[in-house]
């Protein structure tokens, strides 16, 4: 029985304390609709600080991740178009090469057969051309036969077509027929000007038709930084004036770039758009594969900026407390976006010259 009485006393005491706390809260402020009235006698009145809103210059910006990549038109992976064995290497790492410069030589039976067909069809076309001229001369001097001239014309057209096909077969593999020497190994050449950034050429190595590239030529004086901008931020990049890049490998160095292209397609998996940023890399500090942060800054505009401490969050909406005098505050719904530091830019809901609570809002967070 004593235990039961003690339990009742404890419950009564706790209930009494809770009632006192509730009474104290009710004396601190009252709520009527969206208006909160704070009692002048409460200590809460001195904890609420207000500031006047005003327009100021704001540079819309946001950050995203980015990776350095070589520009595709200035990057070439060199592989052999035919199966065969490497007989000579003509480059070294770091070497500067021009478009058309020899990279390596390869002895290939397939290449030999292709060049043989090229020379054979060329010779057959030349002979057919000579025969056609002879038949035309005979017919012109009235000692020839028209039918034989027509057959010579047909034979020439067929031989010419065979030659053009053989020539096209070489050009598909970027082989210039003017550089061919019958019986010599194939000389694989660079399609672009640049620097040898990778070489795995081994003398005597046998390469299959589908072998991996054995050399990479790249011009890295300019590179791209590839960034992915989220769907919600796409409209902010249409008229960007400045792009700043900070790489993990180069802390403290601010790199500037310009937007080269904004993809017209959105990645359905990541809900983002690819943005290509062109950067000068004459000093060669930026290496393909480096990661970093891309800060995109739009042209300046005038906006109201408020501290994040001024914003109340309720479910999916944000509110501020607008002072209407006499320790009364109205909850106002606002739309905001991240700005610099601990400040938010107001997109809608506030006007210049209004007084809002900037400190102590959390004391009224549960006001209903």
Foldseek 3Di string as FASTA:
>chain_A
DVVVVVVVVVVVVVVVVVVVVVVLVVQQWADDPQKIFGHPPDPLLVQWDKDFWDKDKAWDKDKFKWFWDFDVVFKDFADDQAWFFWAFADDDAFDWDAAFAFGTWTAHPVVLVLVVQLVVLVVQLVVLVVQLVVQVVCVVVVNHDPVSNVVSVVSNVVSVVSNVVSCVVCVVRPHDPVPDDRPGTDTGTHRHTAGWNFAQDDHGDTAHNPRGGGTMGGHVQKIKIKTWAAQVCVVVQPAFDWKWKAFPVHPPDIFTWAWDDWDPDADPVRRTTITITMGGCNVVPRDGGTMTMMMIIHDMDIFIKAFLQQWADDDPWIWGWWDPDNRMTGTWTWDWDDGPDRMITTPDTDDGGIMTTRGSVVVCNPPD
